[in-house]
């Protein structure tokens, strides 16, 4: 068992904190995500996010698979904070225009 400050066995101990993700994530989420291709974690159906079936009758938005109807994305926004749950998506291929 490793302590909280030790790297797991086989993992390079040279690392930086999560702030290193700021630039790359800003680049990714600066694009139109509706053009991204998503794959359903339940049935494997792939297609553009724009084709998901979105329901807005809840406190947030719920996007369901166009194939099987399982929940893929949940998005709830309040003043100053947004919560994005994508556990129903196995992969999201995001076009970057390059």
PDB file of N, CA and C in Angstrom:
ATOM      1  N   UNK A   1       0.849  -1.179   0.000  1.00  0.00           N
ATOM      2  CA  UNK A   1       0.000   0.000   0.000  1.00  0.00           C
ATOM      3  C   UNK A   1       0.894   1.242   0.000  1.00  0.00           C
ATOM      4  N   UNK A   2       0.532   2.219  -0.828  1.00  0.00           N
ATOM      5  CA  UNK A   2       1.322   3.445  -0.890  1.00  0.00           C
ATOM      6  C   UNK A   2       0.679   4.508  -0.017  1.00  0.00           C
ATOM      7  N   UNK A   3       1.533   5.386   0.496  1.00  0.00           N
ATOM      8  CA  UNK A   3       0.980   6.495   1.264  1.00  0.00           C
ATOM      9  C   UNK A   3       0.413   7.515   0.279  1.00  0.00           C
ATOM     10  N   UNK A   4      -0.272   8.489   0.791  1.00  0.00           N
ATOM     11  CA  UNK A   4      -0.914   9.501  -0.033  1.00  0.00           C
ATOM     12  C   UNK A   4       0.096  10.287  -0.869  1.00  0.00           C
ATOM     13  N   UNK A   5       1.324  10.419  -0.416  1.00  0.00           N
ATOM     14  CA  UNK A   5       2.339  11.193  -1.122  1.00  0.00           C
ATOM     15  C   UNK A   5       3.215  10.356  -2.036  1.00  0.00           C
ATOM     16  N   UNK A   6       3.067   9.026  -2.029  1.00  0.00           N
ATOM     17  CA  UNK A   6       3.884   8.163  -2.864  1.00  0.00           C
ATOM     18  C   UNK A   6       3.133   7.811  -4.143  1.00  0.00           C
ATOM     19  N   UNK A   7       3.879   7.706  -5.254  1.00  0.00           N
ATOM     20  CA  UNK A   7       3.286   7.298  -6.519  1.00  0.00           C
ATOM     21  C   UNK A   7       3.033   5.792  -6.490  1.00  0.00           C
ATOM     22  N   UNK A   8       1.963   5.317  -7.144  1.00  0.00           N
ATOM     23  CA  UNK A   8       1.729   3.877  -7.246  1.00  0.00           C
ATOM     24  C   UNK A   8       2.908   3.208  -7.967  1.00  0.00           C
ATOM     25  N   UNK A   9       3.127   1.940  -7.718  1.00  0.00           N
ATOM     26  CA  UNK A   9       4.217   1.200  -8.357  1.00  0.00           C
ATOM     27  C   UNK A   9       4.101   1.311  -9.876  1.00  0.00           C
ATOM     28  N   UNK A  10       5.229   1.562 -10.529  1.00  0.00           N
ATOM     29  CA  UNK A  10       5.257   1.642 -11.980  1.00  0.00           C
ATOM     30  C   UNK A  10       4.861   2.993 -12.550  1.00  0.00           C
ATOM     31  N   UNK A  11       4.551   3.961 -11.706  1.00  0.00           N
ATOM     32  CA  UNK A  11       4.147   5.290 -12.161  1.00  0.00           C
ATOM     33  C   UNK A  11       5.308   6.252 -11.959  1.00  0.00           C
ATOM     34  N   UNK A  12       5.613   7.025 -12.988  1.00  0.00           N
ATOM     35  CA  UNK A  12       6.683   8.028 -12.912  1.00  0.00           C
ATOM     36  C   UNK A  12       6.331   9.033 -11.824  1.00  0.00           C
ATOM     37  N   UNK A  13       7.258   9.277 -10.923  1.00  0.00           N
ATOM     38  CA  UNK A  13       6.994  10.189  -9.813  1.00  0.00           C
ATOM     39  C   UNK A  13       7.139  11.656 -10.201  1.00  0.00           C
ATOM     40  N   UNK A  14       7.622  11.945 -11.405  1.00  0.00           N
ATOM     41  CA  UNK A  14       7.764  13.324 -11.853  1.00  0.00           C
ATOM     42  C   UNK A  14       6.427  13.767 -12.444  1.00  0.00           C
ATOM     43  N   UNK A  15       5.756  14.624 -11.746  1.00  0.00           N
ATOM     44  CA  UNK A  15       4.455  15.086 -12.226  1.00  0.00           C
ATOM     45  C   UNK A  15       4.234  16.543 -11.844  1.00  0.00           C
ATOM     46  N   UNK A  16       3.238  17.140 -12.479  1.00  0.00           N
ATOM     47  CA  UNK A  16       2.793  18.483 -12.124  1.00  0.00           C
ATOM     48  C   UNK A  16       1.349  18.375 -11.688  1.00  0.00           C
ATOM     49  N   UNK A  17       0.795  19.439 -11.149  1.00  0.00           N
ATOM     50  CA  UNK A  17      -0.593  19.362 -10.694  1.00  0.00           C
ATOM     51  C   UNK A  17      -1.571  19.555 -11.854  1.00  0.00           C
ATOM     52  N   UNK A  18      -2.832  19.419 -11.554  1.00  0.00           N
ATOM     53  CA  UNK A  18      -3.892  19.491 -12.547  1.00  0.00           C
ATOM     54  C   UNK A  18      -3.985  20.804 -13.287  1.00  0.00           C
ATOM     55  N   UNK A  19      -3.326  21.845 -12.794  1.00  0.00           N
ATOM     56  CA  UNK A  19      -3.336  23.119 -13.508  1.00  0.00           C
ATOM     57  C   UNK A  19      -2.700  23.006 -14.889  1.00  0.00           C
ATOM     58  N   UNK A  20      -1.890  21.981 -15.107  1.00  0.00           N
ATOM     59  CA  UNK A  20      -1.280  21.762 -16.414  1.00  0.00           C
ATOM     60  C   UNK A  20      -2.332  21.426 -17.472  1.00  0.00           C
ATOM     61  N   UNK A  21      -3.502  21.041 -17.036  1.00  0.00           N
ATOM     62  CA  UNK A  21      -4.600  20.731 -17.965  1.00  0.00           C
ATOM     63  C   UNK A  21      -5.348  21.976 -18.434  1.00  0.00           C
ATOM     64  N   UNK A  22      -5.137  23.099 -17.786  1.00  0.00           N
ATOM     65  CA  UNK A  22      -5.917  24.312 -18.063  1.00  0.00           C
ATOM     66  C   UNK A  22      -5.878  24.701 -19.536  1.00  0.00           C
ATOM     67  N   UNK A  23      -4.697  24.827 -20.098  1.00  0.00           N
ATOM     68  CA  UNK A  23      -4.578  25.230 -21.507  1.00  0.00           C
ATOM     69  C   UNK A  23      -5.194  24.225 -22.459  1.00  0.00           C
ATOM     70  N   UNK A  24      -4.797  22.930 -22.363  1.00  0.00           N
ATOM     71  CA  UNK A  24      -5.380  21.945 -23.264  1.00  0.00           C
ATOM     72  C   UNK A  24      -6.896  21.815 -23.144  1.00  0.00           C
ATOM     73  N   UNK A  25      -7.423  21.882 -21.932  1.00  0.00           N
ATOM     74  CA  UNK A  25      -8.879  21.793 -21.774  1.00  0.00           C
ATOM     75  C   UNK A  25      -9.575  23.032 -22.332  1.00  0.00           C
ATOM     76  N   UNK A  26      -8.972  24.191 -22.157  1.00  0.00           N
ATOM     77  CA  UNK A  26      -9.558  25.416 -22.714  1.00  0.00           C
ATOM     78  C   UNK A  26      -9.598  25.336 -24.232  1.00  0.00           C
ATOM     79  N   UNK A  27      -8.570  24.732 -24.819  1.00  0.00           N
ATOM     80  CA  UNK A  27      -8.556  24.557 -26.271  1.00  0.00           C
ATOM     81  C   UNK A  27      -9.676  23.633 -26.722  1.00  0.00           C
ATOM     82  N   UNK A  28      -9.891  22.566 -25.979  1.00  0.00           N
ATOM     83  CA  UNK A  28     -10.923  21.586 -26.352  1.00  0.00           C
ATOM     84  C   UNK A  28     -12.317  22.168 -26.190  1.00  0.00           C
ATOM     85  N   UNK A  29     -12.603  22.762 -25.047  1.00  0.00           N
ATOM     86  CA  UNK A  29     -13.955  23.223 -24.785  1.00  0.00           C
ATOM     87  C   UNK A  29     -14.260  24.573 -25.410  1.00  0.00           C
ATOM     88  N   UNK A  30     -13.321  25.111 -26.165  1.00  0.00           N
ATOM     89  CA  UNK A  30     -13.577  26.340 -26.902  1.00  0.00           C
ATOM     90  C   UNK A  30     -14.236  26.045 -28.246  1.00  0.00           C
ATOM     91  N   UNK A  31     -14.412  24.764 -28.564  1.00  0.00           N
ATOM     92  CA  UNK A  31     -15.037  24.373 -29.828  1.00  0.00           C
ATOM     93  C   UNK A  31     -16.502  24.014 -29.591  1.00  0.00           C
ATOM     94  N   UNK A  32     -17.246  23.895 -30.675  1.00  0.00           N
ATOM     95  CA  UNK A  32     -18.655  23.507 -30.610  1.00  0.00           C
ATOM     96  C   UNK A  32     -18.747  22.016 -30.318  1.00  0.00           C
ATOM     97  N   UNK A  33     -19.100  21.648 -29.101  1.00  0.00           N
ATOM     98  CA  UNK A  33     -19.158  20.240 -28.720  1.00  0.00           C
ATOM     99  C   UNK A  33     -20.307  19.482 -29.381  1.00  0.00           C
ATOM    100  N   UNK A  34     -21.285  20.179 -29.949  1.00  0.00           N
ATOM    101  CA  UNK A  34     -22.362  19.467 -30.633  1.00  0.00           C
ATOM    102  C   UNK A  34     -21.847  18.778 -31.898  1.00  0.00           C
ATOM    103  N   UNK A  35     -20.695  19.201 -32.402  1.00  0.00           N
ATOM    104  CA  UNK A  35     -20.084  18.561 -33.571  1.00  0.00           C
ATOM    105  C   UNK A  35     -19.225  17.362 -33.182  1.00  0.00           C
ATOM    106  N   UNK A  36     -18.979  17.183 -31.890  1.00  0.00           N
ATOM    107  CA  UNK A  36     -18.173  16.059 -31.426  1.00  0.00           C
ATOM    108  C   UNK A  36     -18.953  14.759 -31.601  1.00  0.00           C
ATOM    109  N   UNK A  37     -18.222  13.668 -31.786  1.00  0.00           N
ATOM    110  CA  UNK A  37     -18.831  12.344 -31.894  1.00  0.00           C
ATOM    111  C   UNK A  37     -18.763  11.666 -30.536  1.00  0.00           C
ATOM    112  N   UNK A  38     -19.908  11.201 -30.065  1.00  0.00           N
ATOM    113  CA  UNK A  38     -19.954  10.521 -28.771  1.00  0.00           C
ATOM    114  C   UNK A  38     -20.292   9.051 -28.986  1.00  0.00           C
ATOM    115  N   UNK A  39     -19.832   8.207 -28.055  1.00  0.00           N
ATOM    116  CA  UNK A  39     -20.164   6.779 -28.092  1.00  0.00           C
ATOM    117  C   UNK A  39     -20.868   6.415 -26.793  1.00  0.00           C
ATOM    118  N   UNK A  40     -22.013   5.794 -26.914  1.00  0.00           N
ATOM    119  CA  UNK A  40     -22.820   5.400 -25.758  1.00  0.00           C
ATOM    120  C   UNK A  40     -22.129   4.284 -24.972  1.00  0.00           C
ATOM    121  N   UNK A  41     -22.031   4.458 -23.654  1.00  0.00           N
ATOM    122  CA  UNK A  41     -21.424   3.461 -22.785  1.00  0.00           C
ATOM    123  C   UNK A  41     -22.303   2.220 -22.667  1.00  0.00           C
ATOM    124  N   UNK A  42     -23.590   2.337 -22.976  1.00  0.00           N
ATOM    125  CA  UNK A  42     -24.507   1.215 -22.812  1.00  0.00           C
ATOM    126  C   UNK A  42     -24.581   0.338 -24.051  1.00  0.00           C
ATOM    127  N   UNK A  43     -24.820   0.942 -25.235  1.00  0.00           N
ATOM    128  CA  UNK A  43     -25.037   0.149 -26.454  1.00  0.00           C
ATOM    129  C   UNK A  43     -23.938   0.304 -27.503  1.00  0.00           C
ATOM    130  N   UNK A  44     -23.028   1.277 -27.317  1.00  0.00           N
ATOM    131  CA  UNK A  44     -21.947   1.475 -28.267  1.00  0.00           C
ATOM    132  C   UNK A  44     -22.297   2.316 -29.476  1.00  0.00           C
ATOM    133  N   UNK A  45     -23.511   2.812 -29.544  1.00  0.00           N
ATOM    134  CA  UNK A  45     -23.941   3.658 -30.660  1.00  0.00           C
ATOM    135  C   UNK A  45     -23.084   4.929 -30.697  1.00  0.00           C
ATOM    136  N   UNK A  46     -22.586   5.278 -31.886  1.00  0.00           N
ATOM    137  CA  UNK A  46     -21.790   6.491 -32.051  1.00  0.00           C
ATOM    138  C   UNK A  46     -22.505   7.468 -32.957  1.00  0.00           C
ATOM    139  N   UNK A  47     -22.315   8.742 -32.683  1.00  0.00           N
ATOM    140  CA  UNK A  47     -22.895   9.781 -33.512  1.00  0.00           C
ATOM    141  C   UNK A  47     -22.600  11.137 -32.923  1.00  0.00           C
ATOM    142  N   UNK A  48     -22.936  12.192 -33.670  1.00  0.00           N
ATOM    143  CA  UNK A  48     -22.681  13.536 -33.164  1.00  0.00           C
ATOM    144  C   UNK A  48     -23.526  13.847 -31.932  1.00  0.00           C
ATOM    145  N   UNK A  49     -22.964  14.627 -31.039  1.00  0.00           N
ATOM    146  CA  UNK A  49     -23.698  15.055 -29.844  1.00  0.00           C
ATOM    147  C   UNK A  49     -25.011  15.732 -30.254  1.00  0.00           C
ATOM    148  N   UNK A  50     -25.003  16.421 -31.381  1.00  0.00           N
ATOM    149  CA  UNK A  50     -26.204  17.117 -31.862  1.00  0.00           C
ATOM    150  C   UNK A  50     -27.376  16.172 -32.124  1.00  0.00           C
ATOM    151  N   UNK A  51     -27.114  14.871 -32.295  1.00  0.00           N
ATOM    152  CA  UNK A  51     -28.194  13.908 -32.564  1.00  0.00           C
ATOM    153  C   UNK A  51     -28.758  13.267 -31.303  1.00  0.00           C
ATOM    154  N   UNK A  52     -28.154  13.553 -30.130  1.00  0.00           N
ATOM    155  CA  UNK A  52     -28.683  13.003 -28.886  1.00  0.00           C
ATOM    156  C   UNK A  52     -30.067  13.575 -28.627  1.00  0.00           C
ATOM    157  N   UNK A  53     -30.882  12.829 -27.907  1.00  0.00           N
ATOM    158  CA  UNK A  53     -32.225  13.293 -27.545  1.00  0.00           C
ATOM    159  C   UNK A  53     -32.121  14.018 -26.208  1.00  0.00           C
ATOM    160  N   UNK A  54     -32.344  15.326 -26.221  1.00  0.00           N
ATOM    161  CA  UNK A  54     -32.153  16.152 -25.026  1.00  0.00           C
ATOM    162  C   UNK A  54     -33.503  16.500 -24.412  1.00  0.00           C
ATOM    163  N   UNK A  55     -33.599  16.313 -23.105  1.00  0.00           N
ATOM    164  CA  UNK A  55     -34.806  16.616 -22.352  1.00  0.00           C
ATOM    165  C   UNK A  55     -34.498  17.743 -21.378  1.00  0.00           C
ATOM    166  N   UNK A  56     -35.330  18.773 -21.400  1.00  0.00           N
ATOM    167  CA  UNK A  56     -35.082  19.962 -20.580  1.00  0.00           C
ATOM    168  C   UNK A  56     -36.163  20.164 -19.532  1.00  0.00           C
ATOM    169  N   UNK A  57     -36.961  19.160 -19.228  1.00  0.00           N
ATOM    170  CA  UNK A  57     -38.044  19.312 -18.260  1.00  0.00           C
ATOM    171  C   UNK A  57     -37.575  19.109 -16.824  1.00  0.00           C
ATOM    172  N   UNK A  58     -36.282  18.989 -16.617  1.00  0.00           N
ATOM    173  CA  UNK A  58     -35.719  18.803 -15.277  1.00  0.00           C
ATOM    174  C   UNK A  58     -34.997  20.083 -14.868  1.00  0.00           C
ATOM    175  N   UNK A  59     -34.375  20.089 -13.706  1.00  0.00           N
ATOM    176  CA  UNK A  59     -33.598  21.267 -13.315  1.00  0.00           C
ATOM    177  C   UNK A  59     -32.427  21.545 -14.254  1.00  0.00           C
ATOM    178  N   UNK A  60     -32.042  20.564 -15.054  1.00  0.00           N
ATOM    179  CA  UNK A  60     -30.954  20.734 -16.011  1.00  0.00           C
ATOM    180  C   UNK A  60     -31.324  20.078 -17.322  1.00  0.00           C
ATOM    181  N   UNK A  61     -30.312  19.743 -18.104  1.00  0.00           N
ATOM    182  CA  UNK A  61     -30.507  19.067 -19.382  1.00  0.00           C
ATOM    183  C   UNK A  61     -30.054  17.620 -19.257  1.00  0.00           C
ATOM    184  N   UNK A  62     -30.824  16.710 -19.834  1.00  0.00           N
ATOM    185  CA  UNK A  62     -30.485  15.300 -19.860  1.00  0.00           C
ATOM    186  C   UNK A  62     -30.440  14.874 -21.318  1.00  0.00           C
ATOM    187  N   UNK A  63     -29.284  14.351 -21.764  1.00  0.00           N
ATOM    188  CA  UNK A  63     -29.127  13.897 -23.144  1.00  0.00           C
ATOM    189  C   UNK A  63     -29.086  12.379 -23.158  1.00  0.00           C
ATOM    190  N   UNK A  64     -29.976  11.795 -23.957  1.00  0.00           N
ATOM    191  CA  UNK A  64     -30.083  10.341 -24.046  1.00  0.00           C
ATOM    192  C   UNK A  64     -29.604   9.851 -25.412  1.00  0.00           C
ATOM    193  N   UNK A  65     -29.127   8.626 -25.435  1.00  0.00           N
ATOM    194  CA  UNK A  65     -28.641   7.992 -26.661  1.00  0.00           C
ATOM    195  C   UNK A  65     -29.762   7.916 -27.694  1.00  0.00           C
ATOM    196  N   UNK A  66     -29.427   8.249 -28.939  1.00  0.00           N
ATOM    197  CA  UNK A  66     -30.402   8.181 -30.013  1.00  0.00           C
ATOM    198  C   UNK A  66     -30.708   6.731 -30.385  1.00  0.00           C
ATOM    199  N   UNK A  67     -29.865   5.780 -29.935  1.00  0.00           N
ATOM    200  CA  UNK A  67     -30.080   4.373 -30.254  1.00  0.00           C
ATOM    201  C   UNK A  67     -30.877   3.638 -29.195  1.00  0.00           C
ATOM    202  N   UNK A  68     -30.398   3.675 -27.937  1.00  0.00           N
ATOM    203  CA  UNK A  68     -31.030   2.872 -26.886  1.00  0.00           C
ATOM    204  C   UNK A  68     -31.806   3.686 -25.862  1.00  0.00           C
ATOM    205  N   UNK A  69     -31.614   4.999 -25.825  1.00  0.00           N
ATOM    206  CA  UNK A  69     -32.344   5.841 -24.884  1.00  0.00           C
ATOM    207  C   UNK A  69     -31.708   5.984 -23.515  1.00  0.00           C
ATOM    208  N   UNK A  70     -30.553   5.355 -23.282  1.00  0.00           N
ATOM    209  CA  UNK A  70     -29.881   5.493 -21.988  1.00  0.00           C
ATOM    210  C   UNK A  70     -29.313   6.901 -21.823  1.00  0.00           C
ATOM    211  N   UNK A  71     -29.210   7.365 -20.575  1.00  0.00           N
ATOM    212  CA  UNK A  71     -28.662   8.689 -20.289  1.00  0.00           C
ATOM    213  C   UNK A  71     -27.168   8.699 -20.590  1.00  0.00           C
ATOM    214  N   UNK A  72     -26.729   9.666 -21.383  1.00  0.00           N
ATOM    215  CA  UNK A  72     -25.315   9.820 -21.712  1.00  0.00           C
ATOM    216  C   UNK A  72     -24.712  11.048 -21.039  1.00  0.00           C
ATOM    217  N   UNK A  73     -25.464  12.155 -21.027  1.00  0.00           N
ATOM    218  CA  UNK A  73     -24.939  13.410 -20.492  1.00  0.00           C
ATOM    219  C   UNK A  73     -26.000  14.078 -19.626  1.00  0.00           C
ATOM    220  N   UNK A  74     -25.555  14.621 -18.482  1.00  0.00           N
ATOM    221  CA  UNK A  74     -26.400  15.458 -17.638  1.00  0.00           C
ATOM    222  C   UNK A  74     -25.661  16.775 -17.462  1.00  0.00           C
ATOM    223  N   UNK A  75     -26.368  17.885 -17.601  1.00  0.00           N
ATOM    224  CA  UNK A  75     -25.761  19.207 -17.417  1.00  0.00           C
ATOM    225  C   UNK A  75     -26.707  20.055 -16.588  1.00  0.00           C
ATOM    226  N   UNK A  76     -26.216  20.500 -15.445  1.00  0.00           N
ATOM    227  CA  UNK A  76     -26.992  21.364 -14.560  1.00  0.00           C
ATOM    228  C   UNK A  76     -26.163  22.615 -14.317  1.00  0.00           C
ATOM    229  N   UNK A  77     -26.759  23.768 -14.518  1.00  0.00           N
ATOM    230  CA  UNK A  77     -26.062  25.039 -14.302  1.00  0.00           C
ATOM    231  C   UNK A  77     -26.810  25.892 -13.298  1.00  0.00           C
ATOM    232  N   UNK A  78     -26.038  26.509 -12.412  1.00  0.00           N
ATOM    233  CA  UNK A  78     -26.574  27.481 -11.471  1.00  0.00           C
ATOM    234  C   UNK A  78     -25.722  28.732 -11.616  1.00  0.00           C
ATOM    235  N   UNK A  79     -26.017  29.747 -10.857  1.00  0.00           N
ATOM    236  CA  UNK A  79     -25.223  30.969 -10.922  1.00  0.00           C
ATOM    237  C   UNK A  79     -23.787  30.647 -10.505  1.00  0.00           C
ATOM    238  N   UNK A  80     -22.852  30.793 -11.425  1.00  0.00           N
ATOM    239  CA  UNK A  80     -21.444  30.614 -11.130  1.00  0.00           C
ATOM    240  C   UNK A  80     -20.895  29.201 -11.201  1.00  0.00           C
ATOM    241  N   UNK A  81     -21.729  28.186 -11.389  1.00  0.00           N
ATOM    242  CA  UNK A  81     -21.243  26.804 -11.412  1.00  0.00           C
ATOM    243  C   UNK A  81     -22.059  25.966 -12.391  1.00  0.00           C
ATOM    244  N   UNK A  82     -21.375  25.076 -13.091  1.00  0.00           N
ATOM    245  CA  UNK A  82     -22.039  24.084 -13.942  1.00  0.00           C
ATOM    246  C   UNK A  82     -21.526  22.707 -13.566  1.00  0.00           C
ATOM    247  N   UNK A  83     -22.402  21.723 -13.562  1.00  0.00           N
ATOM    248  CA  UNK A  83     -22.045  20.340 -13.292  1.00  0.00           C
ATOM    249  C   UNK A  83     -22.286  19.552 -14.567  1.00  0.00           C
ATOM    250  N   UNK A  84     -21.264  18.821 -15.015  1.00  0.00           N
ATOM    251  CA  UNK A  84     -21.341  18.031 -16.233  1.00  0.00           C
ATOM    252  C   UNK A  84     -21.044  16.584 -15.883  1.00  0.00           C
ATOM    253  N   UNK A  85     -22.029  15.717 -16.068  1.00  0.00           N
ATOM    254  CA  UNK A  85     -21.885  14.285 -15.802  1.00  0.00           C
ATOM    255  C   UNK A  85     -21.941  13.578 -17.149  1.00  0.00           C
ATOM    256  N   UNK A  86     -20.830  12.958 -17.540  1.00  0.00           N
ATOM    257  CA  UNK A  86     -20.757  12.283 -18.835  1.00  0.00           C
ATOM    258  C   UNK A  86     -20.471  10.790 -18.670  1.00  0.00           C
ATOM    259  N   UNK A  87     -20.915  10.191 -17.563  1.00  0.00           N
ATOM    260  CA  UNK A  87     -20.588   8.786 -17.329  1.00  0.00           C
ATOM    261  C   UNK A  87     -21.225   7.850 -18.349  1.00  0.00           C
ATOM    262  N   UNK A  88     -22.197   8.307 -19.117  1.00  0.00           N
ATOM    263  CA  UNK A  88     -22.812   7.482 -20.152  1.00  0.00           C
ATOM    264  C   UNK A  88     -22.091   7.547 -21.488  1.00  0.00           C
ATOM    265  N   UNK A  89     -20.971   8.274 -21.535  1.00  0.00           N
ATOM    266  CA  UNK A  89     -20.184   8.424 -22.758  1.00  0.00           C
ATOM    267  C   UNK A  89     -18.847   7.712 -22.559  1.00  0.00           C
ATOM    268  N   UNK A  90     -18.530   6.754 -23.435  1.00  0.00           N
ATOM    269  CA  UNK A  90     -17.237   6.074 -23.313  1.00  0.00           C
ATOM    270  C   UNK A  90     -16.119   6.868 -23.957  1.00  0.00           C
ATOM    271  N   UNK A  91     -16.428   7.617 -25.000  1.00  0.00           N
ATOM    272  CA  UNK A  91     -15.425   8.420 -25.678  1.00  0.00           C
ATOM    273  C   UNK A  91     -16.111   9.602 -26.354  1.00  0.00           C
ATOM    274  N   UNK A  92     -15.414  10.702 -26.418  1.00  0.00           N
ATOM    275  CA  UNK A  92     -15.915  11.903 -27.089  1.00  0.00           C
ATOM    276  C   UNK A  92     -14.811  12.378 -28.034  1.00  0.00           C
ATOM    277  N   UNK A  93     -15.049  12.239 -29.334  1.00  0.00           N
ATOM    278  CA  UNK A  93     -14.073  12.663 -30.342  1.00  0.00           C
ATOM    279  C   UNK A  93     -14.414  14.091 -30.729  1.00  0.00           C
ATOM    280  N   UNK A  94     -13.512  15.028 -30.404  1.00  0.00           N
ATOM    281  CA  UNK A  94     -13.778  16.447 -30.570  1.00  0.00           C
ATOM    282  C   UNK A  94     -12.956  17.002 -31.735  1.00  0.00           C
ATOM    283  N   UNK A  95     -13.629  17.480 -32.788  1.00  0.00           N
ATOM    284  CA  UNK A  95     -12.869  18.071 -33.891  1.00  0.00           C
ATOM    285  C   UNK A  95     -12.265  19.397 -33.453  1.00  0.00           C
ATOM    286  N   UNK A  96     -10.975  19.572 -33.737  1.00  0.00           N
ATOM    287  CA  UNK A  96     -10.298  20.797 -33.331  1.00  0.00           C
ATOM    288  C   UNK A  96     -10.040  21.742 -34.487  1.00  0.00           C
ATOM    289  N   UNK A  97     -10.403  21.349 -35.677  1.00  0.00           N
ATOM    290  CA  UNK A  97     -10.265  22.242 -36.827  1.00  0.00           C
ATOM    291  C   UNK A  97      -8.866  22.297 -37.397  1.00  0.00           C
ATOM    292  N   UNK A  98      -7.987  21.437 -36.949  1.00  0.00           N
ATOM    293  CA  UNK A  98      -6.599  21.442 -37.451  1.00  0.00           C
ATOM    294  C   UNK A  98      -6.413  20.359 -38.470  1.00  0.00           C
TER     295      UNK A  98
END
